[in-house]
């Protein structure tokens, strides 16, 4: 009691939230990123023999650890896509482009990335694409600057 009707003292303290640690990528993701720096793409063989790319550390169906890295191609097939006509800040390309699921040759799963294409009429499910590597590579997914259409791939 003793407080007057509108005089409540608030206790305040400054708080800064931070995560002052680094996480290592480990042997699987680290190998994937190192490969990208060297212009090589790797996936990993799952318990069922299918190749997952980008690789997972554990089998998505059984949870078993995975260790058998497999080189896959720098070319692949568009399995699904959409056209990005309004480009936002910090997107991979500064002009309209396709956002696509791409299954690289030798892989059984698709990866999400961008396709530098002149317009939506140039892109088609089943079309073929190839990686355009970044000029400077650092061991990150951005080492793949984008994918390019392979001539004659759109129907």
C-alpha atoms as a PDB file:
ATOM      1  CA  UNK A   1       0.000   0.000   0.000  1.00  0.00           C
ATOM      2  CA  UNK A   2       1.639   3.359   0.407  1.00  0.00           C
ATOM      3  CA  UNK A   3       1.694   3.889  -3.405  1.00  0.00           C
ATOM      4  CA  UNK A   4      -0.400   6.725  -4.629  1.00  0.00           C
ATOM      5  CA  UNK A   5      -2.917   5.955  -7.315  1.00  0.00           C
ATOM      6  CA  UNK A   6      -0.722   6.495 -10.446  1.00  0.00           C
ATOM      7  CA  UNK A   7       2.808   6.273  -9.102  1.00  0.00           C
ATOM      8  CA  UNK A   8       4.242   2.877  -9.958  1.00  0.00           C
ATOM      9  CA  UNK A   9       8.031   2.586 -10.178  1.00  0.00           C
ATOM     10  CA  UNK A  10       9.171   0.445 -13.085  1.00  0.00           C
ATOM     11  CA  UNK A  11      12.331  -1.564 -12.828  1.00  0.00           C
ATOM     12  CA  UNK A  12      14.262  -1.289 -16.104  1.00  0.00           C
ATOM     13  CA  UNK A  13      17.442  -2.909 -17.340  1.00  0.00           C
ATOM     14  CA  UNK A  14      19.154  -2.804 -20.708  1.00  0.00           C
ATOM     15  CA  UNK A  15      19.245  -6.162 -22.460  1.00  0.00           C
ATOM     16  CA  UNK A  16      21.304  -7.115 -25.472  1.00  0.00           C
ATOM     17  CA  UNK A  17      20.557 -10.490 -26.999  1.00  0.00           C
ATOM     18  CA  UNK A  18      23.480 -12.087 -28.772  1.00  0.00           C
ATOM     19  CA  UNK A  19      24.777 -15.415 -29.953  1.00  0.00           C
ATOM     20  CA  UNK A  20      28.532 -15.073 -29.483  1.00  0.00           C
ATOM     21  CA  UNK A  21      29.520 -18.430 -30.931  1.00  0.00           C
ATOM     22  CA  UNK A  22      30.248 -20.015 -34.282  1.00  0.00           C
ATOM     23  CA  UNK A  23      28.889 -23.349 -35.423  1.00  0.00           C
ATOM     24  CA  UNK A  24      31.095 -25.550 -37.526  1.00  0.00           C
ATOM     25  CA  UNK A  25      29.561 -26.926 -40.694  1.00  0.00           C
ATOM     26  CA  UNK A  26      30.700 -30.485 -39.991  1.00  0.00           C
ATOM     27  CA  UNK A  27      31.975 -33.091 -42.452  1.00  0.00           C
ATOM     28  CA  UNK A  28      28.881 -33.229 -44.715  1.00  0.00           C
ATOM     29  CA  UNK A  29      27.812 -29.610 -45.118  1.00  0.00           C
ATOM     30  CA  UNK A  30      31.465 -28.553 -44.939  1.00  0.00           C
ATOM     31  CA  UNK A  31      32.263 -30.855 -47.874  1.00  0.00           C
ATOM     32  CA  UNK A  32      29.341 -29.397 -49.828  1.00  0.00           C
ATOM     33  CA  UNK A  33      30.522 -25.815 -49.269  1.00  0.00           C
ATOM     34  CA  UNK A  34      34.156 -26.672 -49.950  1.00  0.00           C
ATOM     35  CA  UNK A  35      33.076 -28.340 -53.189  1.00  0.00           C
ATOM     36  CA  UNK A  36      31.172 -25.240 -54.270  1.00  0.00           C
ATOM     37  CA  UNK A  37      34.283 -23.150 -53.740  1.00  0.00           C
ATOM     38  CA  UNK A  38      36.098 -25.531 -56.125  1.00  0.00           C
ATOM     39  CA  UNK A  39      33.163 -25.583 -58.616  1.00  0.00           C
ATOM     40  CA  UNK A  40      32.169 -29.129 -57.676  1.00  0.00           C
ATOM     41  CA  UNK A  41      28.734 -30.101 -56.373  1.00  0.00           C
ATOM     42  CA  UNK A  42      28.332 -33.069 -54.052  1.00  0.00           C
ATOM     43  CA  UNK A  43      25.304 -34.861 -52.707  1.00  0.00           C
ATOM     44  CA  UNK A  44      25.093 -37.761 -50.283  1.00  0.00           C
ATOM     45  CA  UNK A  45      23.816 -41.289 -50.742  1.00  0.00           C
ATOM     46  CA  UNK A  46      20.838 -42.103 -48.536  1.00  0.00           C
ATOM     47  CA  UNK A  47      20.030 -45.453 -46.942  1.00  0.00           C
ATOM     48  CA  UNK A  48      17.794 -46.229 -49.941  1.00  0.00           C
ATOM     49  CA  UNK A  49      20.620 -45.483 -52.409  1.00  0.00           C
ATOM     50  CA  UNK A  50      19.105 -42.207 -53.601  1.00  0.00           C
ATOM     51  CA  UNK A  51      21.372 -39.170 -53.773  1.00  0.00           C
ATOM     52  CA  UNK A  52      20.259 -36.136 -51.762  1.00  0.00           C
ATOM     53  CA  UNK A  53      21.597 -32.766 -52.929  1.00  0.00           C
ATOM     54  CA  UNK A  54      22.263 -30.524 -51.118  1.00  0.00           C
ATOM     55  CA  UNK A  55      23.389 -33.233 -48.716  1.00  0.00           C
ATOM     56  CA  UNK A  56      21.896 -33.977 -45.298  1.00  0.00           C
ATOM     57  CA  UNK A  57      23.842 -35.303 -42.338  1.00  0.00           C
ATOM     58  CA  UNK A  58      21.117 -37.831 -41.546  1.00  0.00           C
ATOM     59  CA  UNK A  59      18.886 -39.942 -43.748  1.00  0.00           C
ATOM     60  CA  UNK A  60      15.514 -38.180 -44.070  1.00  0.00           C
ATOM     61  CA  UNK A  61      13.610 -41.494 -43.806  1.00  0.00           C
ATOM     62  CA  UNK A  62      15.553 -43.516 -41.240  1.00  0.00           C
ATOM     63  CA  UNK A  63      17.506 -40.906 -39.276  1.00  0.00           C
ATOM     64  CA  UNK A  64      20.718 -42.913 -39.825  1.00  0.00           C
ATOM     65  CA  UNK A  65      23.944 -40.903 -40.186  1.00  0.00           C
ATOM     66  CA  UNK A  66      25.037 -40.488 -43.811  1.00  0.00           C
ATOM     67  CA  UNK A  67      28.667 -40.455 -44.920  1.00  0.00           C
ATOM     68  CA  UNK A  68      28.931 -41.459 -48.605  1.00  0.00           C
ATOM     69  CA  UNK A  69      29.441 -38.233 -50.561  1.00  0.00           C
ATOM     70  CA  UNK A  70      28.722 -38.423 -54.303  1.00  0.00           C
ATOM     71  CA  UNK A  71      29.739 -35.938 -56.995  1.00  0.00           C
ATOM     72  CA  UNK A  72      26.798 -34.720 -59.072  1.00  0.00           C
ATOM     73  CA  UNK A  73      26.752 -32.699 -62.302  1.00  0.00           C
ATOM     74  CA  UNK A  74      26.744 -28.931 -62.765  1.00  0.00           C
ATOM     75  CA  UNK A  75      23.704 -29.291 -65.049  1.00  0.00           C
ATOM     76  CA  UNK A  76      20.193 -30.371 -64.251  1.00  0.00           C
ATOM     77  CA  UNK A  77      16.477 -30.310 -64.966  1.00  0.00           C
ATOM     78  CA  UNK A  78      13.862 -27.793 -63.836  1.00  0.00           C
ATOM     79  CA  UNK A  79      11.235 -29.692 -61.842  1.00  0.00           C
ATOM     80  CA  UNK A  80       9.114 -26.696 -60.813  1.00  0.00           C
ATOM     81  CA  UNK A  81       9.432 -22.939 -61.091  1.00  0.00           C
ATOM     82  CA  UNK A  82       7.798 -19.556 -60.655  1.00  0.00           C
ATOM     83  CA  UNK A  83       8.562 -16.163 -62.156  1.00  0.00           C
ATOM     84  CA  UNK A  84       9.750 -13.331 -59.912  1.00  0.00           C
ATOM     85  CA  UNK A  85       8.713 -10.147 -61.711  1.00  0.00           C
ATOM     86  CA  UNK A  86       9.102  -7.780 -58.766  1.00  0.00           C
ATOM     87  CA  UNK A  87      12.645  -7.953 -57.477  1.00  0.00           C
ATOM     88  CA  UNK A  88      13.231  -7.082 -53.844  1.00  0.00           C
ATOM     89  CA  UNK A  89      16.346  -5.920 -52.089  1.00  0.00           C
ATOM     90  CA  UNK A  90      18.894  -8.659 -51.285  1.00  0.00           C
ATOM     91  CA  UNK A  91      17.606 -11.161 -53.849  1.00  0.00           C
ATOM     92  CA  UNK A  92      20.159 -13.196 -55.788  1.00  0.00           C
ATOM     93  CA  UNK A  93      19.567 -11.278 -59.032  1.00  0.00           C
ATOM     94  CA  UNK A  94      18.766  -7.587 -59.480  1.00  0.00           C
ATOM     95  CA  UNK A  95      16.359  -8.209 -62.379  1.00  0.00           C
ATOM     96  CA  UNK A  96      13.293 -10.409 -62.929  1.00  0.00           C
ATOM     97  CA  UNK A  97      14.172 -14.108 -62.818  1.00  0.00           C
ATOM     98  CA  UNK A  98      12.801 -17.579 -62.206  1.00  0.00           C
ATOM     99  CA  UNK A  99      12.891 -19.227 -58.795  1.00  0.00           C
ATOM    100  CA  UNK A 100      13.097 -22.953 -59.397  1.00  0.00           C
ATOM    101  CA  UNK A 101      13.536 -26.417 -57.998  1.00  0.00           C
ATOM    102  CA  UNK A 102      16.381 -27.971 -59.961  1.00  0.00           C
ATOM    103  CA  UNK A 103      17.411 -31.625 -59.897  1.00  0.00           C
ATOM    104  CA  UNK A 104      21.075 -31.864 -60.821  1.00  0.00           C
ATOM    105  CA  UNK A 105      22.115 -34.839 -62.954  1.00  0.00           C
ATOM    106  CA  UNK A 106      23.159 -37.611 -60.586  1.00  0.00           C
ATOM    107  CA  UNK A 107      20.884 -36.382 -57.772  1.00  0.00           C
ATOM    108  CA  UNK A 108      17.435 -37.674 -56.844  1.00  0.00           C
ATOM    109  CA  UNK A 109      16.257 -34.548 -55.021  1.00  0.00           C
ATOM    110  CA  UNK A 110      15.887 -30.949 -56.138  1.00  0.00           C
ATOM    111  CA  UNK A 111      17.557 -27.828 -54.823  1.00  0.00           C
ATOM    112  CA  UNK A 112      16.033 -24.356 -54.777  1.00  0.00           C
ATOM    113  CA  UNK A 113      17.878 -21.649 -56.703  1.00  0.00           C
ATOM    114  CA  UNK A 114      17.401 -18.876 -59.242  1.00  0.00           C
ATOM    115  CA  UNK A 115      17.522 -19.018 -63.030  1.00  0.00           C
ATOM    116  CA  UNK A 116      18.695 -16.007 -65.005  1.00  0.00           C
ATOM    117  CA  UNK A 117      16.234 -16.048 -67.898  1.00  0.00           C
ATOM    118  CA  UNK A 118      15.053 -13.331 -70.305  1.00  0.00           C
ATOM    119  CA  UNK A 119      11.389 -13.895 -69.418  1.00  0.00           C
ATOM    120  CA  UNK A 120       8.871 -16.473 -68.201  1.00  0.00           C
ATOM    121  CA  UNK A 121       8.289 -17.722 -71.758  1.00  0.00           C
ATOM    122  CA  UNK A 122      11.892 -18.995 -71.820  1.00  0.00           C
ATOM    123  CA  UNK A 123      11.464 -21.219 -68.738  1.00  0.00           C
ATOM    124  CA  UNK A 124       9.712 -24.600 -68.719  1.00  0.00           C
ATOM    125  CA  UNK A 125       9.357 -27.547 -66.394  1.00  0.00           C
ATOM    126  CA  UNK A 126      11.671 -30.185 -67.838  1.00  0.00           C
ATOM    127  CA  UNK A 127      13.994 -27.514 -69.211  1.00  0.00           C
ATOM    128  CA  UNK A 128      17.727 -27.881 -68.792  1.00  0.00           C
ATOM    129  CA  UNK A 129      19.960 -25.528 -66.847  1.00  0.00           C
ATOM    130  CA  UNK A 130      23.628 -25.198 -65.922  1.00  0.00           C
ATOM    131  CA  UNK A 131      25.347 -23.516 -62.995  1.00  0.00           C
ATOM    132  CA  UNK A 132      26.836 -20.063 -63.494  1.00  0.00           C
ATOM    133  CA  UNK A 133      29.569 -19.880 -60.888  1.00  0.00           C
ATOM    134  CA  UNK A 134      30.316 -16.700 -58.965  1.00  0.00           C
ATOM    135  CA  UNK A 135      33.598 -15.080 -59.968  1.00  0.00           C
ATOM    136  CA  UNK A 136      34.783 -15.063 -56.363  1.00  0.00           C
ATOM    137  CA  UNK A 137      33.866 -18.145 -54.382  1.00  0.00           C
ATOM    138  CA  UNK A 138      34.063 -18.417 -50.606  1.00  0.00           C
ATOM    139  CA  UNK A 139      32.522 -21.787 -49.765  1.00  0.00           C
ATOM    140  CA  UNK A 140      28.854 -20.736 -49.535  1.00  0.00           C
ATOM    141  CA  UNK A 141      25.654 -21.416 -51.491  1.00  0.00           C
ATOM    142  CA  UNK A 142      26.200 -18.020 -53.152  1.00  0.00           C
ATOM    143  CA  UNK A 143      29.172 -19.592 -54.979  1.00  0.00           C
ATOM    144  CA  UNK A 144      26.419 -20.659 -57.374  1.00  0.00           C
ATOM    145  CA  UNK A 145      25.581 -17.188 -58.707  1.00  0.00           C
ATOM    146  CA  UNK A 146      22.548 -18.600 -60.504  1.00  0.00           C
ATOM    147  CA  UNK A 147      21.547 -21.142 -63.127  1.00  0.00           C
ATOM    148  CA  UNK A 148      21.411 -20.430 -66.858  1.00  0.00           C
ATOM    149  CA  UNK A 149      19.170 -22.014 -69.443  1.00  0.00           C
ATOM    150  CA  UNK A 150      20.921 -24.440 -71.764  1.00  0.00           C
ATOM    151  CA  UNK A 151      20.116 -23.479 -75.364  1.00  0.00           C
ATOM    152  CA  UNK A 152      17.015 -25.120 -76.728  1.00  0.00           C
ATOM    153  CA  UNK A 153      15.839 -26.440 -73.348  1.00  0.00           C
ATOM    154  CA  UNK A 154      12.508 -24.600 -73.138  1.00  0.00           C
ATOM    155  CA  UNK A 155       9.616 -26.047 -75.105  1.00  0.00           C
END
